[in-house]
Protein backbone atom coordinates (compact mmCIF):
# COMPACT_ATOMS: atom_id res chain seq x y z
CA MET A 1 122.58 -66.34 -177.14
CA ASN A 2 120.36 -65.61 -174.45
CA LEU A 3 118.09 -62.31 -174.54
CA THR A 4 116.03 -60.45 -172.32
CA GLN A 5 112.32 -59.81 -173.11
CA SER A 6 113.09 -56.20 -173.49
CA GLN A 7 115.99 -56.80 -175.89
CA ARG A 8 113.82 -58.92 -177.98
CA ARG A 9 111.25 -56.37 -178.27
CA GLU A 10 113.86 -53.75 -179.31
CA ILE A 11 114.78 -56.33 -181.89
CA MET A 12 111.30 -57.01 -183.09
CA ALA A 13 110.78 -52.84 -183.23
CA GLY A 14 113.86 -52.40 -185.44
CA LYS A 15 115.74 -50.68 -183.01
CA LEU A 16 118.74 -53.21 -182.65
CA LYS A 17 120.74 -53.71 -185.90
CA TYR A 18 123.10 -56.71 -186.80
CA GLU A 19 126.20 -57.03 -188.88
CA THR A 20 124.95 -60.28 -190.59
CA ILE A 21 121.69 -61.79 -191.38
CA GLU A 22 122.75 -65.02 -189.36
CA GLU A 23 123.21 -62.64 -186.16
CA ALA A 24 119.76 -61.37 -186.59
CA ALA A 25 118.26 -64.98 -186.80
CA GLU A 26 119.99 -65.96 -183.80
CA ALA A 27 119.17 -63.28 -181.88
CA SER A 28 115.51 -63.01 -182.58
CA GLY A 29 115.09 -66.63 -182.31
CA ILE A 30 113.66 -66.95 -185.87
CA GLU A 31 115.00 -69.68 -188.33
CA LEU A 32 116.46 -68.50 -191.41
CA ASN A 33 115.03 -69.65 -194.63
CA ASP A 34 113.88 -68.42 -197.89
CA GLN A 35 110.58 -67.31 -196.14
CA THR A 36 112.03 -65.46 -193.14
CA ARG A 37 115.13 -63.87 -195.15
CA PRO A 38 113.48 -60.71 -196.47
CA PHE A 39 111.95 -59.92 -192.72
CA LEU A 40 115.26 -60.73 -191.01
CA ASP A 41 117.20 -58.68 -193.48
CA THR A 42 115.56 -55.73 -192.09
CA PHE A 43 117.35 -56.03 -188.93
CA VAL A 44 120.73 -56.16 -190.65
CA LYS A 45 123.01 -52.86 -190.80
CA LYS A 46 122.90 -51.39 -194.29
CA ALA A 47 126.13 -49.56 -195.11
CA GLY A 48 125.07 -45.91 -196.26
CA SER A 49 121.35 -46.47 -195.70
CA ASN A 50 120.67 -43.25 -193.86
CA ALA A 51 119.94 -40.14 -195.87
CA GLY A 52 123.00 -38.28 -194.50
CA ALA A 53 125.35 -41.35 -195.44
CA LYS A 54 123.78 -41.60 -199.05
CA LYS A 55 124.18 -37.58 -199.60
CA LYS A 56 127.89 -37.80 -198.33
CA ALA A 57 128.63 -40.59 -200.57
CA LEU A 58 126.99 -39.00 -203.58
CA PHE A 59 129.03 -35.60 -202.77
CA GLU A 60 132.31 -37.55 -202.64
CA GLU A 61 131.49 -39.30 -205.96
CA LEU A 62 130.92 -35.81 -207.68
CA VAL A 63 133.98 -34.64 -206.15
CA GLU A 64 136.05 -37.31 -207.70
CA ILE A 65 134.79 -36.66 -210.88
CA GLY A 66 135.95 -32.91 -210.72
CA LEU A 67 133.04 -30.85 -209.02
CA THR A 68 135.33 -29.58 -206.16
CA ASP A 69 133.53 -26.11 -205.60
CA LEU A 70 130.47 -28.02 -203.53
CA ASP A 71 129.82 -27.44 -200.08
CA LEU A 72 128.35 -30.46 -198.42
CA ASP A 73 126.08 -28.52 -195.99
CA LYS A 74 124.57 -26.36 -198.68
CA GLU A 75 123.83 -29.12 -200.80
CA THR A 76 120.71 -31.33 -200.91
CA MET A 77 120.69 -34.78 -202.39
CA ASP A 78 118.51 -33.55 -205.27
CA SER A 79 120.88 -30.86 -206.02
CA LEU A 80 123.66 -33.15 -206.20
CA LYS A 81 121.72 -35.19 -208.72
CA VAL A 82 121.23 -32.28 -210.54
CA ARG A 83 124.69 -31.26 -210.64
CA GLY A 84 126.04 -34.60 -211.38
CA CYS A 85 123.66 -34.47 -214.49
CA GLN A 86 124.66 -31.14 -215.26
CA HIS A 87 128.27 -32.08 -215.26
CA PHE A 88 128.09 -35.13 -217.70
CA TYR A 89 125.80 -33.10 -219.84
CA ALA A 90 128.44 -30.17 -220.35
CA GLU A 91 131.07 -32.77 -220.82
CA GLY A 92 129.28 -34.33 -223.74
CA ASP A 93 129.51 -37.89 -222.01
CA MET A 94 126.04 -39.02 -223.00
CA GLU A 95 126.71 -42.41 -221.86
CA ALA A 96 127.87 -41.73 -218.40
CA LEU A 97 124.93 -39.03 -218.43
CA GLU A 98 122.29 -41.96 -219.08
CA GLU A 99 123.64 -44.07 -216.41
CA PHE A 100 124.22 -41.56 -213.71
CA ALA A 101 120.44 -40.38 -214.24
CA GLY A 102 119.20 -43.54 -214.66
CA ARG A 103 120.39 -44.43 -211.18
CA PHE A 104 118.12 -41.76 -209.86
CA ASN A 105 115.14 -42.61 -211.87
CA LEU A 106 115.81 -39.26 -213.82
CA VAL A 107 115.76 -38.48 -217.66
CA VAL A 108 117.68 -35.89 -219.15
CA ASN A 109 116.66 -34.07 -222.47
CA GLN A 110 119.99 -34.46 -224.69
CA GLU A 111 118.84 -31.40 -226.56
CA ASP A 112 118.36 -28.62 -223.93
CA GLY A 113 119.90 -30.65 -220.80
CA SER A 114 116.65 -30.27 -218.82
CA ILE A 115 116.21 -32.90 -216.13
CA HIS A 116 113.03 -34.43 -215.24
CA ARG A 117 112.10 -37.44 -213.02
CA ALA A 118 110.71 -40.59 -214.86
CA LYS A 119 107.14 -41.39 -213.67
CA ALA A 120 106.84 -44.70 -212.30
CA LYS A 121 105.04 -47.22 -214.56
CA VAL A 122 101.62 -47.99 -213.43
CA LYS A 123 101.13 -51.61 -212.47
CA PRO A 124 99.00 -53.81 -215.05
CA ILE A 125 95.23 -53.23 -213.94
CA GLU A 126 93.53 -55.45 -216.49
CA GLU A 127 93.07 -58.31 -213.96
CA ARG A 128 91.35 -55.78 -211.55
CA ASN A 129 87.72 -56.45 -210.66
CA ALA A 130 86.97 -52.90 -209.64
CA GLY A 131 83.77 -50.95 -209.31
CA LYS A 132 81.22 -54.02 -209.82
CA LYS A 133 79.41 -53.54 -206.44
CA GLU A 134 76.64 -51.12 -206.72
CA GLY A 135 76.91 -48.10 -204.53
CA THR A 136 80.48 -48.22 -203.77
CA VAL A 137 82.84 -45.56 -204.71
CA GLY A 138 84.43 -47.51 -207.59
CA TRP A 139 80.80 -48.20 -209.04
CA ILE A 140 79.49 -44.40 -208.81
CA THR A 141 82.97 -43.15 -210.05
CA ILE A 142 82.21 -45.21 -213.30
CA GLN A 143 78.83 -44.09 -213.57
CA MET A 144 80.07 -40.82 -213.27
CA LEU A 145 82.66 -41.31 -216.21
CA GLN A 146 79.77 -42.76 -218.30
CA ASP A 147 77.81 -39.44 -217.68
CA GLU A 148 78.25 -37.00 -220.73
CA ALA A 149 77.56 -34.12 -218.32
CA TYR A 150 81.19 -34.81 -216.79
CA ALA A 151 83.17 -35.81 -220.04
CA ASP A 152 84.99 -32.42 -220.29
CA ILE A 153 85.33 -31.76 -216.45
CA PRO A 154 88.88 -32.22 -214.94
CA VAL A 155 89.01 -34.87 -212.40
CA THR A 156 89.77 -32.46 -209.74
CA GLU A 157 86.23 -30.90 -210.19
CA MET A 158 84.67 -34.31 -210.58
CA ALA A 159 86.04 -35.22 -207.32
CA GLU A 160 84.49 -31.86 -205.79
CA HIS A 161 80.85 -32.94 -207.48
CA PHE A 162 81.13 -36.40 -206.39
CA ALA A 163 79.61 -36.45 -203.15
CA ASP A 164 76.45 -34.59 -204.92
CA TYR A 165 76.28 -36.93 -207.74
CA ALA A 166 76.36 -39.88 -205.39
CA ALA A 167 73.18 -38.58 -203.38
CA GLU A 168 71.57 -38.08 -206.80
CA LEU A 169 72.00 -41.66 -207.40
CA GLY A 170 70.57 -42.80 -203.93
CA TYR A 171 73.82 -42.90 -201.95
CA PRO A 172 74.18 -40.01 -199.78
CA GLU A 173 76.24 -41.79 -197.21
CA THR A 174 79.08 -42.75 -199.80
CA LYS A 175 82.66 -41.81 -198.75
CA PRO A 176 84.11 -39.05 -200.84
CA THR A 177 86.86 -39.52 -203.49
CA THR A 178 90.05 -37.95 -204.81
CA ALA A 179 91.22 -36.80 -208.34
CA ALA A 180 93.89 -39.53 -208.08
CA SER A 181 91.09 -42.12 -207.52
CA ILE A 182 88.90 -41.07 -210.34
CA GLN A 183 91.95 -40.99 -212.81
CA TRP A 184 92.82 -44.61 -211.62
CA TYR A 185 89.20 -45.65 -212.65
CA ILE A 186 89.76 -43.88 -215.93
CA ASN A 187 92.88 -46.00 -216.84
CA TYR A 188 90.90 -49.01 -215.32
CA CYS A 189 88.08 -48.64 -217.91
CA ARG A 190 90.39 -47.94 -220.78
CA LYS A 191 92.67 -51.01 -219.99
CA THR A 192 89.53 -53.34 -219.57
CA GLY A 193 87.30 -52.30 -221.93
CA VAL A 194 84.65 -50.45 -219.84
CA GLU A 195 82.89 -47.80 -222.02
CA ILE A 196 83.14 -44.44 -220.66
CA CYS A 197 82.94 -40.79 -222.13
CA GLU A 198 85.86 -40.01 -224.39
CA ARG A 199 88.15 -37.59 -222.22
CA VAL A 200 91.14 -35.19 -223.69
CA ARG A 201 94.57 -36.87 -222.69
CA LYS A 202 97.42 -34.78 -221.76
CA THR A 203 101.09 -35.76 -221.31
CA LYS A 204 104.60 -35.00 -221.58
CA ALA A 205 107.04 -37.61 -222.70
CA ALA A 206 110.69 -37.84 -223.59
CA ALA A 207 111.87 -38.66 -226.91
CA ASP A 208 111.95 -42.42 -226.16
CA GLY A 209 108.33 -42.45 -224.76
CA THR A 210 109.19 -42.18 -221.10
CA ALA A 211 106.24 -40.36 -219.14
CA LEU A 212 108.08 -37.30 -217.74
CA GLY A 213 107.11 -35.83 -214.06
CA ALA A 214 108.17 -32.23 -213.21
CA GLU A 215 111.20 -30.61 -214.14
CA LEU A 216 114.04 -31.16 -211.52
CA THR A 217 116.13 -27.91 -211.03
CA LEU A 218 118.83 -26.56 -208.82
CA GLU A 219 116.36 -24.01 -207.73
CA LYS A 220 113.75 -26.53 -206.72
CA ALA A 221 116.34 -29.05 -205.29
CA LEU A 222 117.76 -26.28 -202.83
CA ALA A 223 114.34 -24.89 -201.83
CA PRO A 224 113.21 -25.49 -198.21
CA ARG A 225 111.25 -28.40 -197.84
CA GLY A 226 107.91 -28.50 -195.97
CA PHE A 227 104.38 -29.25 -195.92
CA LYS A 228 102.03 -27.16 -197.99
CA LYS A 229 98.49 -26.63 -196.41
CA LYS A 230 96.84 -27.14 -199.87
CA ALA A 231 98.10 -29.09 -202.99
CA ALA A 232 98.07 -27.70 -206.31
CA PRO A 233 95.14 -28.89 -208.59
CA VAL A 234 95.85 -32.12 -210.26
CA GLU A 235 95.72 -31.92 -214.05
CA GLU A 236 94.49 -34.80 -216.03
CA ALA A 237 96.92 -37.41 -216.43
CA SER A 238 97.57 -39.54 -219.39
CA ASP A 239 96.38 -43.10 -219.99
CA GLY A 240 98.09 -45.25 -217.43
CA GLU A 241 99.60 -42.89 -215.18
CA LEU A 242 98.92 -41.37 -211.75
CA ASP A 243 101.14 -38.70 -210.90
CA LEU A 244 101.28 -38.88 -207.12
CA ASP A 245 104.98 -38.15 -206.81
CA ASP A 246 106.57 -35.09 -208.03
């Protein structure tokens, strides 16, 4: 297949998609092997890969199981997930409920039917070698966590005091940090045995121990989406968790 330079650039930019991975390999001139397969696969058309197609597919799935009073244009992907969970819960089909919710990383309380997003598990950090170099953000964060003056202060406030604390240690040019970063170092210290001041741990979990994120309701799912100028304060998370996704 002879391609112009312009066509090759479009392929590499992801603008051109192909029916099969073999076609993508031939068009791009890249040999298809185990190493290049994941890269070449990004140039293959995926059925239902766009958000609209996924939403329509889920809508049709719900219609098939009996939810016939839905309006595709008024629903969102999240509202359809909620309606699906509510349907199986109302039917008392807990097996189907668990399977459906699991597809979308949701957890349903079988007692009251509340729906929560399951928080992603934090990757193991025992092997990390963080905060060892003096004067770095990580090193200063650990010093702060070992200071009893900050033991009962939420990570959001610690982040606000970080620059002043760094200056007190002799590093006024240190970059600022975030509450999420401080929480990561709390988890890191606990996992690796680095001694820090004891902190109050707060968490909400399902009966099986799955860590829960924010509750997902129809009101939230159907609410207009948009960027907020200022994020809500981050509460201290439990051991091993960084709640970066609502």
